[in-house]
């Protein structure tokens, strides 16, 4: 399966939250801050061995299982703590080696990036919140059915089609936001500021890449 795109610049980090900065013209710009400190190369994959060229990055820290400790044994400590978040980025060429640190200084103000993350979990939700249904009428004797989905088909073919918009689990999905711009770079603290909102809770991990 071909990759979605070949990454030119890439990093993973922790979403810190949103704030505001001022651009050169004095306009207020909403930005999401991403802490990329500690991001390191955990594995380099080659086409002659793995079948494709890629780099795996790791960031964060958590207690790992035995197989996970084996995978990042060069980075895990004596207590079994290692990288909390691992992601692969398809690359072409490059001189990155295992153990190299990845910093935000590779980005420039104005770079267009794709930010991928896991959306907030909202639990089990009905069709009004999950899909934006209008609900039923609120007067003329209607009772207890204001937020029901309505009929889902009782005639032919006497079954429920797959894929119907119904109540169910909402959130915790992989989401990519395209064409965001880098608006702020703090090289000293390894923090990247992306104009606009990105998926996920504060404290969640996200991927930031530029496309070829």
N, C-alpha and C. Protein backbone atom coordinates (compact mmCIF):
# COMPACT_ATOMS: atom_id res chain seq x y z
N UNK A 1 0.85 -1.20 0.00
CA UNK A 1 0.00 0.00 0.00
C UNK A 1 0.88 1.24 0.00
N UNK A 2 0.65 2.14 -0.93
CA UNK A 2 1.46 3.35 -1.03
C UNK A 2 1.13 4.31 0.11
N UNK A 3 2.14 5.05 0.60
CA UNK A 3 1.88 6.00 1.68
C UNK A 3 1.00 7.14 1.21
N UNK A 4 0.34 7.81 2.16
CA UNK A 4 -0.51 8.96 1.86
C UNK A 4 0.32 10.04 1.17
N UNK A 5 1.52 10.28 1.66
CA UNK A 5 2.46 11.18 1.01
C UNK A 5 3.84 10.96 1.62
N UNK A 6 4.86 11.42 0.92
CA UNK A 6 6.22 11.36 1.43
C UNK A 6 6.46 12.59 2.29
N UNK A 7 6.88 12.39 3.52
CA UNK A 7 7.10 13.50 4.44
C UNK A 7 8.41 14.21 4.11
N UNK A 8 8.37 15.54 4.06
CA UNK A 8 9.56 16.34 3.84
C UNK A 8 10.13 16.81 5.18
N UNK A 9 9.29 17.43 6.00
CA UNK A 9 9.65 17.79 7.36
C UNK A 9 8.63 17.13 8.27
N UNK A 10 9.07 16.60 9.39
CA UNK A 10 8.13 15.88 10.24
C UNK A 10 8.59 15.91 11.69
N UNK A 11 7.61 15.82 12.57
CA UNK A 11 7.89 15.78 14.00
C UNK A 11 6.64 15.31 14.72
N UNK A 12 6.81 14.79 15.92
CA UNK A 12 5.67 14.46 16.78
C UNK A 12 5.86 15.17 18.11
N UNK A 13 4.74 15.53 18.73
CA UNK A 13 4.84 16.26 19.99
C UNK A 13 3.55 16.21 20.76
N UNK A 14 3.54 16.87 21.89
CA UNK A 14 2.38 16.90 22.78
C UNK A 14 1.65 18.22 22.62
N UNK A 15 0.35 18.14 22.42
CA UNK A 15 -0.48 19.34 22.31
C UNK A 15 -0.58 20.01 23.68
N UNK A 16 -0.13 21.27 23.74
CA UNK A 16 -0.16 22.01 25.00
C UNK A 16 -1.45 22.79 25.19
N UNK A 17 -2.04 23.25 24.09
CA UNK A 17 -3.26 24.05 24.17
C UNK A 17 -3.18 25.21 23.19
N UNK A 18 -4.17 26.09 23.25
CA UNK A 18 -4.24 27.22 22.33
C UNK A 18 -3.93 28.53 23.04
N UNK A 19 -3.39 29.45 22.27
CA UNK A 19 -3.14 30.79 22.76
C UNK A 19 -3.24 31.76 21.59
N UNK A 20 -2.84 33.01 21.81
CA UNK A 20 -2.89 34.02 20.75
C UNK A 20 -1.54 34.70 20.63
N UNK A 21 -1.17 35.02 19.39
CA UNK A 21 0.03 35.81 19.14
C UNK A 21 -0.34 36.92 18.15
N UNK A 22 0.57 37.84 17.95
CA UNK A 22 0.35 38.94 17.01
C UNK A 22 1.29 38.77 15.82
N UNK A 23 0.76 38.96 14.62
CA UNK A 23 1.61 38.89 13.43
C UNK A 23 2.28 40.24 13.17
N UNK A 24 2.98 40.33 12.05
CA UNK A 24 3.74 41.55 11.74
C UNK A 24 2.84 42.77 11.55
N UNK A 25 1.57 42.53 11.19
CA UNK A 25 0.65 43.63 10.96
C UNK A 25 -0.17 43.97 12.21
N UNK A 26 0.10 43.29 13.30
CA UNK A 26 -0.62 43.55 14.54
C UNK A 26 -1.92 42.80 14.68
N UNK A 27 -2.20 41.86 13.77
CA UNK A 27 -3.43 41.08 13.86
C UNK A 27 -3.27 39.94 14.85
N UNK A 28 -4.34 39.63 15.57
CA UNK A 28 -4.34 38.51 16.51
C UNK A 28 -4.46 37.20 15.74
N UNK A 29 -3.57 36.25 16.03
CA UNK A 29 -3.56 34.96 15.36
C UNK A 29 -3.74 33.86 16.40
N UNK A 30 -4.80 33.04 16.29
CA UNK A 30 -4.95 31.91 17.21
C UNK A 30 -4.01 30.77 16.82
N UNK A 31 -3.24 30.27 17.77
CA UNK A 31 -2.30 29.20 17.47
C UNK A 31 -2.43 28.08 18.51
N UNK A 32 -2.13 26.88 18.06
CA UNK A 32 -2.03 25.72 18.95
C UNK A 32 -0.55 25.43 19.17
N UNK A 33 -0.14 25.34 20.44
CA UNK A 33 1.26 25.08 20.78
C UNK A 33 1.49 23.58 20.92
N UNK A 34 2.58 23.11 20.32
CA UNK A 34 2.94 21.70 20.35
C UNK A 34 4.36 21.57 20.88
N UNK A 35 4.50 20.81 21.96
CA UNK A 35 5.81 20.60 22.58
C UNK A 35 6.46 19.38 21.95
N UNK A 36 7.54 19.60 21.19
CA UNK A 36 8.21 18.51 20.48
C UNK A 36 9.53 18.13 21.15
N UNK A 37 9.75 18.54 22.39
CA UNK A 37 11.00 18.21 23.07
C UNK A 37 11.06 16.71 23.34
N UNK A 38 12.23 16.14 23.15
CA UNK A 38 12.44 14.72 23.43
C UNK A 38 12.15 13.80 22.27
N UNK A 39 11.74 14.33 21.12
CA UNK A 39 11.47 13.48 19.96
C UNK A 39 12.79 12.93 19.41
N UNK A 40 12.84 11.60 19.23
CA UNK A 40 14.07 10.96 18.78
C UNK A 40 13.75 9.84 17.79
N UNK A 41 14.72 9.52 16.96
CA UNK A 41 14.58 8.44 15.98
C UNK A 41 14.78 7.11 16.70
N UNK A 42 13.78 6.25 16.67
CA UNK A 42 13.86 4.94 17.32
C UNK A 42 14.15 3.81 16.35
N UNK A 43 13.89 4.04 15.06
CA UNK A 43 14.12 3.00 14.06
C UNK A 43 14.21 3.62 12.68
N UNK A 44 15.13 3.11 11.87
CA UNK A 44 15.24 3.53 10.47
C UNK A 44 14.94 2.32 9.60
N UNK A 45 13.91 2.43 8.77
CA UNK A 45 13.48 1.32 7.92
C UNK A 45 13.97 1.55 6.50
N UNK A 46 14.54 0.51 5.89
CA UNK A 46 15.11 0.60 4.55
C UNK A 46 14.32 -0.29 3.59
N UNK A 47 14.29 0.14 2.33
CA UNK A 47 13.53 -0.58 1.32
C UNK A 47 14.08 -1.98 1.08
N UNK A 48 15.40 -2.16 1.19
CA UNK A 48 15.99 -3.47 0.93
C UNK A 48 15.70 -4.47 2.04
N UNK A 49 15.34 -3.99 3.23
CA UNK A 49 15.03 -4.89 4.35
C UNK A 49 13.53 -4.93 4.66
N UNK A 50 12.94 -3.76 4.91
CA UNK A 50 11.52 -3.69 5.29
C UNK A 50 10.59 -3.48 4.10
N UNK A 51 11.13 -3.14 2.92
CA UNK A 51 10.29 -2.96 1.75
C UNK A 51 9.89 -1.54 1.48
N UNK A 52 10.26 -0.61 2.35
CA UNK A 52 9.95 0.80 2.15
C UNK A 52 10.89 1.64 3.00
N UNK A 53 11.03 2.89 2.64
CA UNK A 53 11.89 3.81 3.38
C UNK A 53 11.05 4.63 4.35
N UNK A 54 11.43 4.58 5.61
CA UNK A 54 10.68 5.31 6.62
C UNK A 54 11.56 5.54 7.85
N UNK A 55 11.12 6.46 8.67
CA UNK A 55 11.77 6.75 9.95
C UNK A 55 10.72 6.69 11.03
N UNK A 56 11.02 5.99 12.12
CA UNK A 56 10.11 5.93 13.25
C UNK A 56 10.60 6.86 14.35
N UNK A 57 9.70 7.72 14.82
CA UNK A 57 10.02 8.65 15.90
C UNK A 57 9.30 8.25 17.17
N UNK A 58 9.90 8.58 18.30
CA UNK A 58 9.28 8.34 19.59
C UNK A 58 9.33 9.59 20.44
N UNK A 59 8.35 9.75 21.31
CA UNK A 59 8.30 10.92 22.18
C UNK A 59 7.52 10.55 23.44
N UNK A 60 7.75 11.28 24.52
CA UNK A 60 7.04 11.02 25.76
C UNK A 60 7.63 9.86 26.54
N UNK A 61 7.00 9.53 27.67
CA UNK A 61 7.48 8.44 28.51
C UNK A 61 6.32 7.78 29.22
N UNK A 62 6.36 6.43 29.28
CA UNK A 62 5.36 5.67 30.02
C UNK A 62 5.92 4.28 30.32
N UNK A 63 5.24 3.55 31.19
CA UNK A 63 5.62 2.17 31.50
C UNK A 63 5.29 1.28 30.32
N UNK A 64 6.27 0.52 29.84
CA UNK A 64 6.09 -0.29 28.64
C UNK A 64 5.96 -1.77 29.00
N UNK A 65 5.28 -2.50 28.12
CA UNK A 65 5.23 -3.95 28.25
C UNK A 65 6.57 -4.53 27.82
N UNK A 66 6.78 -5.82 28.07
CA UNK A 66 8.04 -6.47 27.72
C UNK A 66 8.35 -6.39 26.22
N UNK A 67 7.38 -6.71 25.34
CA UNK A 67 7.67 -6.57 23.90
C UNK A 67 8.01 -5.14 23.50
N UNK A 68 7.31 -4.17 24.10
CA UNK A 68 7.59 -2.77 23.79
C UNK A 68 8.98 -2.37 24.27
N UNK A 69 9.36 -2.87 25.45
CA UNK A 69 10.70 -2.58 25.96
C UNK A 69 11.77 -3.15 25.03
N UNK A 70 11.49 -4.32 24.46
CA UNK A 70 12.45 -4.92 23.54
C UNK A 70 12.62 -4.11 22.28
N UNK A 71 11.52 -3.51 21.83
CA UNK A 71 11.58 -2.73 20.59
C UNK A 71 12.41 -1.47 20.77
N UNK A 72 12.30 -0.84 21.94
CA UNK A 72 13.05 0.41 22.20
C UNK A 72 14.04 0.19 23.34
N UNK A 73 14.70 -0.96 23.35
CA UNK A 73 15.59 -1.32 24.46
C UNK A 73 16.75 -0.34 24.63
N UNK A 74 17.15 0.30 23.55
CA UNK A 74 18.25 1.26 23.65
C UNK A 74 17.82 2.56 24.31
N UNK A 75 16.51 2.77 24.48
CA UNK A 75 16.02 4.02 25.03
C UNK A 75 15.28 3.82 26.36
N UNK A 76 14.87 2.60 26.70
CA UNK A 76 14.13 2.34 27.93
C UNK A 76 15.07 2.39 29.13
N UNK A 77 14.54 2.83 30.28
CA UNK A 77 15.37 2.88 31.48
C UNK A 77 15.24 1.59 32.28
N UNK A 78 15.88 1.54 33.44
CA UNK A 78 15.90 0.33 34.26
C UNK A 78 14.53 -0.04 34.80
N UNK A 79 13.62 0.93 34.88
CA UNK A 79 12.28 0.68 35.41
C UNK A 79 11.29 0.28 34.32
N UNK A 80 11.76 0.15 33.09
CA UNK A 80 10.88 -0.25 32.00
C UNK A 80 10.09 0.88 31.38
N UNK A 81 10.50 2.12 31.65
CA UNK A 81 9.83 3.27 31.04
C UNK A 81 10.48 3.59 29.70
N UNK A 82 9.65 3.89 28.72
CA UNK A 82 10.15 4.22 27.39
C UNK A 82 9.23 5.19 26.70
N UNK A 83 9.39 5.30 25.39
CA UNK A 83 8.59 6.25 24.63
C UNK A 83 7.10 5.91 24.71
N UNK A 84 6.29 6.94 24.95
CA UNK A 84 4.84 6.74 25.07
C UNK A 84 4.15 6.73 23.72
N UNK A 85 4.79 7.30 22.71
CA UNK A 85 4.11 7.49 21.43
C UNK A 85 5.12 7.26 20.32
N UNK A 86 4.79 6.34 19.40
CA UNK A 86 5.66 6.01 18.27
C UNK A 86 4.88 6.20 16.97
N UNK A 87 5.53 6.79 15.96
CA UNK A 87 4.91 6.94 14.66
C UNK A 87 5.97 6.84 13.56
N UNK A 88 5.56 6.28 12.41
CA UNK A 88 6.44 6.19 11.27
C UNK A 88 6.13 7.29 10.26
N UNK A 89 7.18 7.77 9.59
CA UNK A 89 7.04 8.77 8.54
C UNK A 89 7.79 8.27 7.31
N UNK A 90 7.08 8.18 6.20
CA UNK A 90 7.70 7.74 4.95
C UNK A 90 8.60 8.86 4.41
N UNK A 91 9.83 8.50 4.15
CA UNK A 91 10.80 9.49 3.67
C UNK A 91 11.53 8.92 2.47
N UNK A 92 12.16 9.81 1.73
CA UNK A 92 13.02 9.43 0.61
C UNK A 92 14.41 9.95 0.88
N UNK A 93 15.36 9.03 1.03
CA UNK A 93 16.72 9.45 1.32
C UNK A 93 16.85 9.94 2.75
N UNK A 94 17.77 10.85 2.97
CA UNK A 94 17.98 11.38 4.31
C UNK A 94 19.12 10.68 5.01
N UNK A 95 19.68 11.37 6.01
CA UNK A 95 20.83 10.85 6.73
C UNK A 95 20.52 10.60 8.20
N UNK A 96 19.23 10.48 8.55
CA UNK A 96 18.88 10.25 9.94
C UNK A 96 19.33 8.88 10.39
N UNK A 97 19.78 8.81 11.64
CA UNK A 97 20.23 7.55 12.23
C UNK A 97 19.50 7.33 13.55
N UNK A 98 19.50 6.09 14.00
CA UNK A 98 18.85 5.74 15.26
C UNK A 98 19.47 6.53 16.39
N UNK A 99 18.61 7.17 17.19
CA UNK A 99 19.08 7.97 18.31
C UNK A 99 19.17 9.45 18.03
N UNK A 100 19.04 9.86 16.75
CA UNK A 100 19.09 11.28 16.42
C UNK A 100 17.91 12.03 17.02
N UNK A 101 18.14 13.22 17.50
CA UNK A 101 17.09 14.07 18.04
C UNK A 101 16.47 14.89 16.90
N UNK A 102 15.15 15.06 16.97
CA UNK A 102 14.43 15.84 15.97
C UNK A 102 13.92 17.12 16.63
N UNK A 103 14.23 18.25 16.01
CA UNK A 103 13.87 19.54 16.59
C UNK A 103 12.97 20.31 15.65
N UNK A 104 12.38 21.40 16.18
CA UNK A 104 11.45 22.20 15.38
C UNK A 104 12.16 23.18 14.47
N UNK A 105 13.50 23.27 14.57
CA UNK A 105 14.21 24.25 13.74
C UNK A 105 14.21 23.88 12.26
N UNK A 106 13.73 22.67 11.92
CA UNK A 106 13.61 22.31 10.51
C UNK A 106 12.46 23.05 9.83
N UNK A 107 11.48 23.53 10.63
CA UNK A 107 10.33 24.25 10.09
C UNK A 107 10.64 25.73 9.97
N UNK A 108 9.86 26.40 9.13
CA UNK A 108 9.97 27.84 8.96
C UNK A 108 8.57 28.46 9.08
N UNK A 109 8.53 29.70 9.50
CA UNK A 109 7.26 30.41 9.59
C UNK A 109 6.60 30.44 8.21
N UNK A 110 5.34 30.05 8.14
CA UNK A 110 4.61 30.04 6.88
C UNK A 110 4.54 28.68 6.22
N UNK A 111 5.29 27.69 6.73
CA UNK A 111 5.21 26.34 6.17
C UNK A 111 3.80 25.79 6.29
N UNK A 112 3.30 25.18 5.22
CA UNK A 112 2.00 24.50 5.28
C UNK A 112 2.20 23.08 5.76
N UNK A 113 1.44 22.68 6.77
CA UNK A 113 1.63 21.38 7.39
C UNK A 113 0.29 20.64 7.49
N UNK A 114 0.40 19.33 7.65
CA UNK A 114 -0.74 18.47 7.98
C UNK A 114 -0.56 18.01 9.42
N UNK A 115 -1.59 18.18 10.24
CA UNK A 115 -1.53 17.77 11.64
C UNK A 115 -2.50 16.62 11.84
N UNK A 116 -1.97 15.50 12.34
CA UNK A 116 -2.80 14.31 12.58
C UNK A 116 -2.83 14.02 14.07
N UNK A 117 -4.02 13.69 14.56
CA UNK A 117 -4.17 13.37 15.97
C UNK A 117 -5.42 12.56 16.20
N UNK A 118 -5.67 12.22 17.47
CA UNK A 118 -6.85 11.46 17.87
C UNK A 118 -7.86 12.41 18.48
N UNK A 119 -9.07 12.42 17.95
CA UNK A 119 -10.09 13.36 18.41
C UNK A 119 -10.53 13.03 19.83
N UNK A 120 -11.16 14.00 20.47
CA UNK A 120 -11.65 13.82 21.83
C UNK A 120 -12.72 12.75 21.89
N UNK A 121 -12.68 11.91 22.91
CA UNK A 121 -13.71 10.91 23.10
C UNK A 121 -14.94 11.50 23.78
N UNK A 122 -16.12 11.23 23.24
CA UNK A 122 -17.36 11.78 23.79
C UNK A 122 -18.33 10.70 24.24
N UNK A 123 -17.87 9.44 24.26
CA UNK A 123 -18.72 8.37 24.75
C UNK A 123 -19.84 8.01 23.80
N UNK A 124 -20.89 7.39 24.32
CA UNK A 124 -22.05 6.99 23.53
C UNK A 124 -22.97 8.20 23.38
N UNK A 125 -23.25 8.57 22.12
CA UNK A 125 -24.08 9.75 21.86
C UNK A 125 -25.20 9.41 20.89
N UNK A 126 -26.29 10.18 21.00
CA UNK A 126 -27.42 10.00 20.10
C UNK A 126 -27.20 10.66 18.76
N UNK A 127 -28.19 10.54 17.89
CA UNK A 127 -28.02 11.01 16.52
C UNK A 127 -28.00 12.53 16.43
N UNK A 128 -28.62 13.24 17.38
CA UNK A 128 -28.63 14.71 17.32
C UNK A 128 -27.22 15.25 17.51
N UNK A 129 -26.52 14.77 18.51
CA UNK A 129 -25.16 15.25 18.76
C UNK A 129 -24.16 14.61 17.80
N UNK A 130 -24.35 13.33 17.50
CA UNK A 130 -23.34 12.62 16.70
C UNK A 130 -23.41 12.99 15.22
N UNK A 131 -24.60 13.15 14.70
CA UNK A 131 -24.76 13.40 13.26
C UNK A 131 -25.46 14.70 12.92
N UNK A 132 -25.93 15.44 13.94
CA UNK A 132 -26.59 16.71 13.66
C UNK A 132 -28.03 16.58 13.24
N UNK A 133 -28.72 15.48 13.60
CA UNK A 133 -30.14 15.34 13.26
C UNK A 133 -30.94 16.46 13.93
N UNK A 134 -32.04 16.85 13.29
CA UNK A 134 -32.89 17.92 13.82
C UNK A 134 -33.77 17.44 14.96
N UNK A 135 -34.03 16.13 15.05
CA UNK A 135 -34.96 15.63 16.05
C UNK A 135 -36.40 15.75 15.60
N UNK A 136 -37.31 15.31 16.43
CA UNK A 136 -38.73 15.32 16.08
C UNK A 136 -39.41 16.62 16.47
N UNK A 137 -40.68 16.76 16.14
CA UNK A 137 -41.43 17.98 16.52
C UNK A 137 -41.56 18.09 18.04
N UNK A 138 -41.63 19.31 18.53
CA UNK A 138 -41.61 19.55 19.96
C UNK A 138 -42.99 19.91 20.53
N UNK A 139 -44.00 19.90 19.67
CA UNK A 139 -45.34 20.24 20.14
C UNK A 139 -46.34 19.22 19.60
N UNK A 140 -47.64 19.51 19.78
CA UNK A 140 -48.73 18.68 19.26
C UNK A 140 -48.67 17.25 19.79
N UNK A 141 -48.50 17.16 21.09
CA UNK A 141 -48.59 15.85 21.72
C UNK A 141 -47.33 15.02 21.66
N UNK A 142 -46.29 15.52 21.06
CA UNK A 142 -45.04 14.74 21.00
C UNK A 142 -44.42 14.68 22.39
N UNK A 143 -43.97 13.49 22.77
CA UNK A 143 -43.47 13.30 24.13
C UNK A 143 -42.42 12.19 24.13
N UNK A 144 -41.28 12.46 24.75
CA UNK A 144 -40.20 11.47 24.91
C UNK A 144 -39.52 11.10 23.60
N UNK A 145 -39.82 11.78 22.51
CA UNK A 145 -39.21 11.40 21.23
C UNK A 145 -38.55 12.59 20.54
N UNK A 146 -38.16 13.58 21.33
CA UNK A 146 -37.60 14.79 20.73
C UNK A 146 -36.27 14.51 20.02
N UNK A 147 -35.47 13.60 20.55
CA UNK A 147 -34.13 13.37 20.02
C UNK A 147 -33.97 11.96 19.45
N UNK A 148 -35.08 11.33 19.09
CA UNK A 148 -35.01 9.99 18.51
C UNK A 148 -34.64 10.07 17.02
N UNK A 149 -34.07 9.00 16.47
CA UNK A 149 -33.66 9.03 15.06
C UNK A 149 -34.82 8.92 14.08
N UNK A 150 -35.98 8.44 14.53
CA UNK A 150 -37.09 8.23 13.61
C UNK A 150 -37.02 6.85 12.97
N UNK A 151 -37.84 6.64 11.96
CA UNK A 151 -37.91 5.33 11.31
C UNK A 151 -36.60 5.00 10.60
N UNK A 152 -36.20 3.74 10.67
CA UNK A 152 -34.99 3.29 9.96
C UNK A 152 -35.37 2.29 8.87
N UNK A 153 -36.66 2.23 8.50
CA UNK A 153 -37.07 1.38 7.39
C UNK A 153 -37.73 0.10 7.85
N UNK A 154 -39.07 0.06 7.83
CA UNK A 154 -39.80 -1.13 8.27
C UNK A 154 -40.37 -1.91 7.10
N UNK A 155 -40.28 -1.35 5.89
CA UNK A 155 -40.77 -2.06 4.71
C UNK A 155 -39.60 -2.81 4.06
N UNK A 156 -39.76 -3.17 2.79
CA UNK A 156 -38.70 -3.89 2.09
C UNK A 156 -37.37 -3.15 2.20
N UNK A 157 -36.27 -3.80 2.52
CA UNK A 157 -36.05 -5.25 2.53
C UNK A 157 -36.11 -5.87 3.92
N UNK A 158 -36.83 -5.29 4.87
CA UNK A 158 -37.02 -5.85 6.20
C UNK A 158 -35.70 -6.08 6.95
N UNK A 159 -34.77 -5.18 6.76
CA UNK A 159 -33.52 -5.25 7.52
C UNK A 159 -32.91 -3.84 7.56
N UNK A 160 -31.93 -3.68 8.38
CA UNK A 160 -31.28 -2.39 8.52
C UNK A 160 -30.02 -2.37 7.66
N UNK A 161 -29.91 -1.41 6.78
CA UNK A 161 -28.72 -1.29 5.94
C UNK A 161 -27.48 -0.96 6.77
N UNK A 162 -26.35 -1.48 6.37
CA UNK A 162 -25.10 -1.13 7.02
C UNK A 162 -24.75 0.33 6.72
N UNK A 163 -24.14 0.97 7.72
CA UNK A 163 -23.67 2.34 7.51
C UNK A 163 -24.68 3.42 7.79
N UNK A 164 -25.87 3.07 8.28
CA UNK A 164 -26.86 4.10 8.60
C UNK A 164 -26.36 4.97 9.76
N UNK A 165 -26.70 6.24 9.70
CA UNK A 165 -26.32 7.14 10.78
C UNK A 165 -27.23 6.89 11.98
N UNK A 166 -26.63 6.30 13.01
CA UNK A 166 -27.40 5.95 14.20
C UNK A 166 -26.59 6.33 15.44
N UNK A 167 -27.19 6.14 16.61
CA UNK A 167 -26.50 6.42 17.85
C UNK A 167 -25.33 5.46 18.01
N UNK A 168 -24.31 5.90 18.71
CA UNK A 168 -23.15 5.04 18.92
C UNK A 168 -21.98 5.80 19.52
N UNK A 169 -20.85 5.14 19.57
CA UNK A 169 -19.65 5.75 20.15
C UNK A 169 -19.17 6.90 19.28
N UNK A 170 -18.82 8.00 19.93
CA UNK A 170 -18.41 9.21 19.21
C UNK A 170 -17.02 9.64 19.66
N UNK A 171 -16.18 9.99 18.70
CA UNK A 171 -14.84 10.46 19.02
C UNK A 171 -13.81 9.35 19.00
N UNK A 172 -12.58 9.67 19.45
CA UNK A 172 -11.43 8.76 19.46
C UNK A 172 -11.19 8.22 18.04
N UNK A 173 -11.23 9.12 17.07
CA UNK A 173 -10.96 8.78 15.67
C UNK A 173 -9.69 9.49 15.23
N UNK A 174 -8.99 8.87 14.27
CA UNK A 174 -7.83 9.53 13.68
C UNK A 174 -8.30 10.64 12.74
N UNK A 175 -7.80 11.84 12.96
CA UNK A 175 -8.24 13.00 12.19
C UNK A 175 -7.03 13.75 11.66
N UNK A 176 -7.07 14.12 10.38
CA UNK A 176 -6.01 14.92 9.77
C UNK A 176 -6.58 16.27 9.37
N UNK A 177 -5.89 17.32 9.73
CA UNK A 177 -6.27 18.67 9.34
C UNK A 177 -5.22 19.18 8.36
N UNK A 178 -5.66 19.53 7.15
CA UNK A 178 -4.75 19.90 6.08
C UNK A 178 -4.52 21.41 6.00
N UNK A 179 -3.39 21.77 5.42
CA UNK A 179 -3.08 23.16 5.04
C UNK A 179 -3.09 24.14 6.21
N UNK A 180 -2.67 23.67 7.38
CA UNK A 180 -2.42 24.61 8.47
C UNK A 180 -1.05 25.25 8.28
N UNK A 181 -0.86 26.41 8.86
CA UNK A 181 0.41 27.12 8.69
C UNK A 181 1.17 27.23 10.01
N UNK A 182 2.48 27.10 9.92
CA UNK A 182 3.34 27.32 11.07
C UNK A 182 3.40 28.82 11.34
N UNK A 183 3.00 29.22 12.55
CA UNK A 183 2.94 30.65 12.88
C UNK A 183 3.92 31.05 13.97
N UNK A 184 4.50 30.06 14.65
CA UNK A 184 5.37 30.39 15.79
C UNK A 184 6.37 29.25 15.99
N UNK A 185 7.63 29.61 16.24
CA UNK A 185 8.67 28.61 16.48
C UNK A 185 9.52 29.08 17.65
N UNK A 186 9.60 28.24 18.69
CA UNK A 186 10.46 28.49 19.84
C UNK A 186 11.56 27.43 19.83
N UNK A 187 12.70 27.76 19.21
CA UNK A 187 13.77 26.78 19.05
C UNK A 187 14.40 26.40 20.39
N UNK A 188 14.44 27.35 21.31
CA UNK A 188 15.08 27.09 22.60
C UNK A 188 14.33 26.02 23.39
N UNK A 189 13.00 26.11 23.40
CA UNK A 189 12.18 25.15 24.15
C UNK A 189 11.57 24.07 23.27
N UNK A 190 11.90 24.10 21.98
CA UNK A 190 11.41 23.10 21.02
C UNK A 190 9.88 23.07 20.97
N UNK A 191 9.29 24.23 20.83
CA UNK A 191 7.83 24.35 20.77
C UNK A 191 7.44 24.93 19.42
N UNK A 192 6.43 24.31 18.81
CA UNK A 192 5.92 24.74 17.51
C UNK A 192 4.52 25.29 17.66
N UNK A 193 4.24 26.40 17.02
CA UNK A 193 2.90 26.98 17.04
C UNK A 193 2.26 26.90 15.68
N UNK A 194 1.10 26.25 15.59
CA UNK A 194 0.38 26.06 14.33
C UNK A 194 -0.89 26.90 14.36
N UNK A 195 -1.10 27.69 13.31
CA UNK A 195 -2.28 28.55 13.24
C UNK A 195 -3.55 27.70 13.17
N UNK A 196 -4.49 27.96 14.08
CA UNK A 196 -5.75 27.24 14.10
C UNK A 196 -5.77 26.12 15.12
N UNK A 197 -6.83 25.33 15.07
CA UNK A 197 -7.04 24.23 16.02
C UNK A 197 -6.58 22.91 15.42
N UNK A 198 -6.13 22.01 16.29
CA UNK A 198 -5.72 20.67 15.86
C UNK A 198 -6.49 19.65 16.68
N UNK A 199 -6.61 18.40 16.19
CA UNK A 199 -7.43 17.40 16.88
C UNK A 199 -6.86 17.01 18.24
N UNK A 200 -7.75 16.61 19.14
CA UNK A 200 -7.35 15.97 20.37
C UNK A 200 -7.40 16.85 21.60
N UNK A 201 -7.23 16.20 22.76
CA UNK A 201 -7.19 16.88 24.04
C UNK A 201 -5.83 17.52 24.27
N UNK A 202 -5.80 18.49 25.16
CA UNK A 202 -4.51 19.00 25.61
C UNK A 202 -3.77 17.87 26.32
N UNK A 203 -2.52 17.70 25.98
CA UNK A 203 -1.74 16.59 26.54
C UNK A 203 -1.67 15.39 25.62
N UNK A 204 -2.48 15.39 24.55
CA UNK A 204 -2.44 14.30 23.57
C UNK A 204 -1.30 14.51 22.57
N UNK A 205 -0.90 13.43 21.92
CA UNK A 205 0.19 13.49 20.96
C UNK A 205 -0.33 13.67 19.55
N UNK A 206 0.39 14.48 18.78
CA UNK A 206 0.01 14.75 17.38
C UNK A 206 1.24 14.65 16.50
N UNK A 207 0.99 14.44 15.20
CA UNK A 207 2.04 14.40 14.20
C UNK A 207 1.93 15.66 13.34
N UNK A 208 3.06 16.25 13.04
CA UNK A 208 3.10 17.43 12.17
C UNK A 208 4.04 17.12 11.00
N UNK A 209 3.52 17.20 9.79
CA UNK A 209 4.33 16.87 8.61
C UNK A 209 4.05 17.88 7.50
N UNK A 210 5.06 18.09 6.65
CA UNK A 210 4.86 18.82 5.42
C UNK A 210 4.86 17.82 4.28
N UNK A 211 4.01 18.06 3.28
CA UNK A 211 3.87 17.13 2.17
C UNK A 211 4.84 17.45 1.06
N UNK A 212 5.15 16.41 0.25
CA UNK A 212 6.01 16.65 -0.91
C UNK A 212 5.20 17.28 -2.04
